[in-house]
Amino acid sequence: MAPKLLLLEGFDDAVVGVAERFGWDGPLLAYEAKAIKRILREKEGLSEAEAEVFYKDRVLGAWAGEGTPIFIDTECEFSELTPDTETSD
């Protein structure tokens, strides 16, 4: 049975879609990290540094079971990543 999609209350505007991958037991909600931090600054009045810490500790660092959402970093440069395996052409 696929896990329920877990919605983060107050962060609907940060949802960018649903993620799927072979071997997962169902789709997961995908949130944009930058949008979550923006919402924390605008709606909660946090500074940029406070929003970053809150995001890392309380959002990204939270595990709520198999339906825990995934978070997409749209500011990460792909060229900065070092993949574990080579990509196929």
N, C-alpha and C. Protein backbone atom coordinates (compact mmCIF):
# COMPACT_ATOMS: atom_id res chain seq x y z
N MET A 1 0.85 -1.18 0.00
CA MET A 1 0.00 0.00 0.00
C MET A 1 0.89 1.24 0.00
N ALA A 2 0.60 2.17 -0.86
CA ALA A 2 1.37 3.41 -0.97
C ALA A 2 1.13 4.29 0.24
N PRO A 3 2.18 4.99 0.71
CA PRO A 3 1.99 5.90 1.84
C PRO A 3 1.15 7.11 1.44
N LYS A 4 0.52 7.72 2.44
CA LYS A 4 -0.23 8.95 2.18
C LYS A 4 0.75 10.06 1.86
N LEU A 5 0.33 10.96 0.96
CA LEU A 5 1.12 12.16 0.70
C LEU A 5 1.00 13.07 1.92
N LEU A 6 2.13 13.45 2.49
CA LEU A 6 2.11 14.33 3.66
C LEU A 6 2.26 15.78 3.22
N LEU A 7 1.30 16.59 3.61
CA LEU A 7 1.28 18.01 3.25
C LEU A 7 1.79 18.81 4.44
N LEU A 8 2.74 19.71 4.18
CA LEU A 8 3.26 20.60 5.22
C LEU A 8 2.31 21.78 5.35
N GLU A 9 1.69 21.90 6.49
CA GLU A 9 0.70 22.96 6.71
C GLU A 9 1.34 24.34 6.57
N GLY A 10 0.70 25.17 5.75
CA GLY A 10 1.16 26.53 5.56
C GLY A 10 2.15 26.71 4.42
N PHE A 11 2.50 25.63 3.76
CA PHE A 11 3.51 25.70 2.70
C PHE A 11 2.98 25.26 1.33
N ASP A 12 1.68 25.39 1.12
CA ASP A 12 1.08 24.99 -0.15
C ASP A 12 1.74 25.67 -1.35
N ASP A 13 2.11 26.94 -1.18
CA ASP A 13 2.72 27.68 -2.29
C ASP A 13 4.12 27.18 -2.65
N ALA A 14 4.70 26.34 -1.81
CA ALA A 14 6.03 25.81 -2.07
C ALA A 14 5.99 24.45 -2.78
N VAL A 15 4.80 23.88 -2.94
CA VAL A 15 4.69 22.58 -3.63
C VAL A 15 4.98 22.79 -5.11
N VAL A 16 5.91 21.98 -5.63
CA VAL A 16 6.24 22.08 -7.05
C VAL A 16 5.76 20.87 -7.84
N GLY A 17 5.31 19.86 -7.15
CA GLY A 17 4.80 18.69 -7.86
C GLY A 17 4.86 17.44 -7.01
N VAL A 18 4.76 16.33 -7.70
CA VAL A 18 4.80 15.02 -7.07
C VAL A 18 5.98 14.26 -7.67
N ALA A 19 6.78 13.65 -6.82
CA ALA A 19 7.97 12.93 -7.28
C ALA A 19 7.72 11.43 -7.21
N GLU A 20 8.25 10.75 -8.20
CA GLU A 20 8.15 9.29 -8.24
C GLU A 20 9.50 8.72 -8.65
N ARG A 21 9.78 7.50 -8.23
CA ARG A 21 11.00 6.81 -8.63
C ARG A 21 10.75 5.32 -8.50
N PHE A 22 11.34 4.58 -9.38
CA PHE A 22 11.24 3.13 -9.31
C PHE A 22 11.72 2.67 -7.94
N GLY A 23 10.97 1.81 -7.31
CA GLY A 23 11.34 1.27 -6.02
C GLY A 23 10.70 2.00 -4.84
N TRP A 24 10.16 3.20 -5.07
CA TRP A 24 9.43 3.89 -4.01
C TRP A 24 8.06 3.27 -3.92
N ASP A 25 7.50 3.30 -2.75
CA ASP A 25 6.17 2.74 -2.55
C ASP A 25 5.11 3.82 -2.71
N GLY A 26 5.18 4.53 -3.82
CA GLY A 26 4.19 5.56 -4.09
C GLY A 26 4.82 6.92 -4.28
N PRO A 27 4.05 7.87 -4.77
CA PRO A 27 4.56 9.22 -5.01
C PRO A 27 4.74 10.00 -3.71
N LEU A 28 5.59 11.03 -3.75
CA LEU A 28 5.82 11.92 -2.62
C LEU A 28 5.64 13.35 -3.10
N LEU A 29 5.14 14.21 -2.23
CA LEU A 29 5.06 15.62 -2.57
C LEU A 29 6.47 16.19 -2.64
N ALA A 30 6.68 17.09 -3.56
CA ALA A 30 7.97 17.74 -3.74
C ALA A 30 7.80 19.23 -3.47
N TYR A 31 8.63 19.75 -2.58
CA TYR A 31 8.60 21.16 -2.22
C TYR A 31 9.88 21.84 -2.69
N GLU A 32 9.78 23.12 -3.03
CA GLU A 32 10.96 23.89 -3.38
C GLU A 32 11.51 24.52 -2.10
N ALA A 33 12.77 24.21 -1.77
CA ALA A 33 13.39 24.69 -0.55
C ALA A 33 13.39 26.22 -0.47
N LYS A 34 13.73 26.87 -1.57
CA LYS A 34 13.79 28.34 -1.61
C LYS A 34 12.42 28.94 -1.25
N ALA A 35 11.35 28.36 -1.74
CA ALA A 35 10.00 28.86 -1.46
C ALA A 35 9.63 28.67 0.01
N ILE A 36 10.03 27.56 0.58
CA ILE A 36 9.76 27.32 2.01
C ILE A 36 10.45 28.39 2.85
N LYS A 37 11.71 28.69 2.54
CA LYS A 37 12.45 29.70 3.29
C LYS A 37 11.83 31.09 3.10
N ARG A 38 11.35 31.37 1.90
CA ARG A 38 10.68 32.65 1.65
C ARG A 38 9.41 32.77 2.49
N ILE A 39 8.63 31.70 2.55
CA ILE A 39 7.40 31.69 3.35
C ILE A 39 7.74 31.88 4.82
N LEU A 40 8.79 31.25 5.30
CA LEU A 40 9.20 31.43 6.70
C LEU A 40 9.57 32.88 7.00
N ARG A 41 10.23 33.52 6.04
CA ARG A 41 10.61 34.93 6.24
C ARG A 41 9.37 35.84 6.21
N GLU A 42 8.52 35.63 5.21
CA GLU A 42 7.37 36.51 5.02
C GLU A 42 6.25 36.30 6.04
N LYS A 43 5.90 35.06 6.30
CA LYS A 43 4.75 34.79 7.17
C LYS A 43 5.12 34.63 8.64
N GLU A 44 6.33 34.20 8.90
CA GLU A 44 6.76 33.99 10.29
C GLU A 44 7.68 35.09 10.79
N GLY A 45 8.10 35.98 9.89
CA GLY A 45 8.95 37.09 10.30
C GLY A 45 10.38 36.71 10.64
N LEU A 46 10.84 35.58 10.11
CA LEU A 46 12.20 35.15 10.39
C LEU A 46 13.19 35.87 9.49
N SER A 47 14.39 36.06 10.00
CA SER A 47 15.47 36.61 9.17
C SER A 47 15.91 35.51 8.20
N GLU A 48 16.74 35.88 7.23
CA GLU A 48 17.25 34.89 6.28
C GLU A 48 18.00 33.78 7.00
N ALA A 49 18.85 34.14 7.96
CA ALA A 49 19.62 33.15 8.72
C ALA A 49 18.71 32.26 9.56
N GLU A 50 17.71 32.87 10.21
CA GLU A 50 16.77 32.10 11.02
C GLU A 50 15.96 31.14 10.17
N ALA A 51 15.52 31.61 9.00
CA ALA A 51 14.75 30.75 8.09
C ALA A 51 15.59 29.56 7.62
N GLU A 52 16.86 29.79 7.34
CA GLU A 52 17.77 28.71 6.91
C GLU A 52 17.91 27.66 8.01
N VAL A 53 18.13 28.11 9.24
CA VAL A 53 18.28 27.17 10.37
C VAL A 53 16.98 26.41 10.60
N PHE A 54 15.85 27.13 10.59
CA PHE A 54 14.56 26.48 10.80
C PHE A 54 14.31 25.43 9.72
N TYR A 55 14.57 25.81 8.47
CA TYR A 55 14.37 24.88 7.35
C TYR A 55 15.21 23.62 7.54
N LYS A 56 16.51 23.80 7.82
CA LYS A 56 17.39 22.64 7.95
C LYS A 56 17.03 21.76 9.14
N ASP A 57 16.73 22.38 10.27
CA ASP A 57 16.47 21.62 11.50
C ASP A 57 15.06 21.06 11.60
N ARG A 58 14.05 21.86 11.22
CA ARG A 58 12.67 21.50 11.49
C ARG A 58 11.89 21.02 10.28
N VAL A 59 12.39 21.31 9.09
CA VAL A 59 11.68 20.88 7.87
C VAL A 59 12.47 19.76 7.20
N LEU A 60 13.64 20.08 6.71
CA LEU A 60 14.47 19.08 6.03
C LEU A 60 14.87 17.95 6.99
N GLY A 61 15.09 18.30 8.25
CA GLY A 61 15.53 17.31 9.24
C GLY A 61 14.41 16.50 9.87
N ALA A 62 13.19 16.72 9.45
CA ALA A 62 12.05 16.00 10.04
C ALA A 62 11.76 14.73 9.24
N TRP A 63 11.49 13.65 9.95
CA TRP A 63 11.07 12.40 9.31
C TRP A 63 9.69 12.05 9.85
N ALA A 64 8.73 11.90 8.96
CA ALA A 64 7.36 11.60 9.37
C ALA A 64 6.88 10.28 8.77
N GLY A 65 7.81 9.42 8.44
CA GLY A 65 7.45 8.13 7.87
C GLY A 65 7.65 8.09 6.37
N GLU A 66 7.17 7.03 5.77
CA GLU A 66 7.40 6.79 4.35
C GLU A 66 6.82 7.86 3.43
N GLY A 67 5.86 8.62 3.90
CA GLY A 67 5.26 9.67 3.07
C GLY A 67 5.93 11.02 3.22
N THR A 68 7.05 11.07 3.96
CA THR A 68 7.75 12.34 4.17
C THR A 68 8.09 12.96 2.81
N PRO A 69 7.76 14.23 2.63
CA PRO A 69 8.02 14.88 1.34
C PRO A 69 9.51 14.97 1.02
N ILE A 70 9.78 15.31 -0.23
CA ILE A 70 11.15 15.59 -0.63
C ILE A 70 11.27 17.09 -0.89
N PHE A 71 12.49 17.60 -0.84
CA PHE A 71 12.74 19.02 -0.97
C PHE A 71 13.75 19.25 -2.08
N ILE A 72 13.41 20.14 -2.99
CA ILE A 72 14.22 20.39 -4.17
C ILE A 72 14.96 21.71 -4.01
N ASP A 73 16.27 21.67 -4.19
CA ASP A 73 17.11 22.86 -4.12
C ASP A 73 17.31 23.36 -5.54
N THR A 74 16.56 24.38 -5.90
CA THR A 74 16.64 24.91 -7.27
C THR A 74 17.80 25.87 -7.45
N GLU A 75 18.52 26.16 -6.38
CA GLU A 75 19.66 27.07 -6.46
C GLU A 75 20.98 26.32 -6.59
N CYS A 76 20.96 25.03 -6.49
CA CYS A 76 22.16 24.21 -6.59
C CYS A 76 22.59 24.10 -8.05
N GLU A 77 23.86 24.33 -8.29
CA GLU A 77 24.41 24.20 -9.64
C GLU A 77 24.73 22.73 -9.90
N PHE A 78 24.15 22.19 -10.95
CA PHE A 78 24.39 20.78 -11.27
C PHE A 78 25.88 20.50 -11.46
N SER A 79 26.61 21.44 -12.02
CA SER A 79 28.04 21.25 -12.28
C SER A 79 28.83 21.13 -10.98
N GLU A 80 28.26 21.57 -9.84
CA GLU A 80 28.95 21.49 -8.56
C GLU A 80 28.80 20.11 -7.92
N LEU A 81 27.90 19.32 -8.43
CA LEU A 81 27.64 18.00 -7.85
C LEU A 81 28.63 16.98 -8.36
N THR A 82 28.93 16.02 -7.50
CA THR A 82 29.81 14.92 -7.89
C THR A 82 28.98 13.64 -7.79
N PRO A 83 28.49 13.14 -8.92
CA PRO A 83 27.65 11.93 -8.86
C PRO A 83 28.48 10.71 -8.46
N ASP A 84 27.81 9.76 -7.80
CA ASP A 84 28.46 8.52 -7.38
C ASP A 84 28.77 7.64 -8.59
N THR A 85 27.97 7.75 -9.61
CA THR A 85 28.17 6.94 -10.81
C THR A 85 28.11 7.84 -12.03
N GLU A 86 28.66 7.38 -13.09
CA GLU A 86 28.65 8.17 -14.33
C GLU A 86 27.28 8.04 -14.98
N THR A 87 26.88 9.10 -15.67
CA THR A 87 25.60 9.07 -16.37
C THR A 87 25.79 8.38 -17.71
N SER A 88 24.73 7.78 -18.18
CA SER A 88 24.80 7.13 -19.50
C SER A 88 24.34 8.10 -20.56
N ASP A 89 24.93 8.04 -21.71
CA ASP A 89 24.57 8.93 -22.82
C ASP A 89 23.52 8.31 -23.70
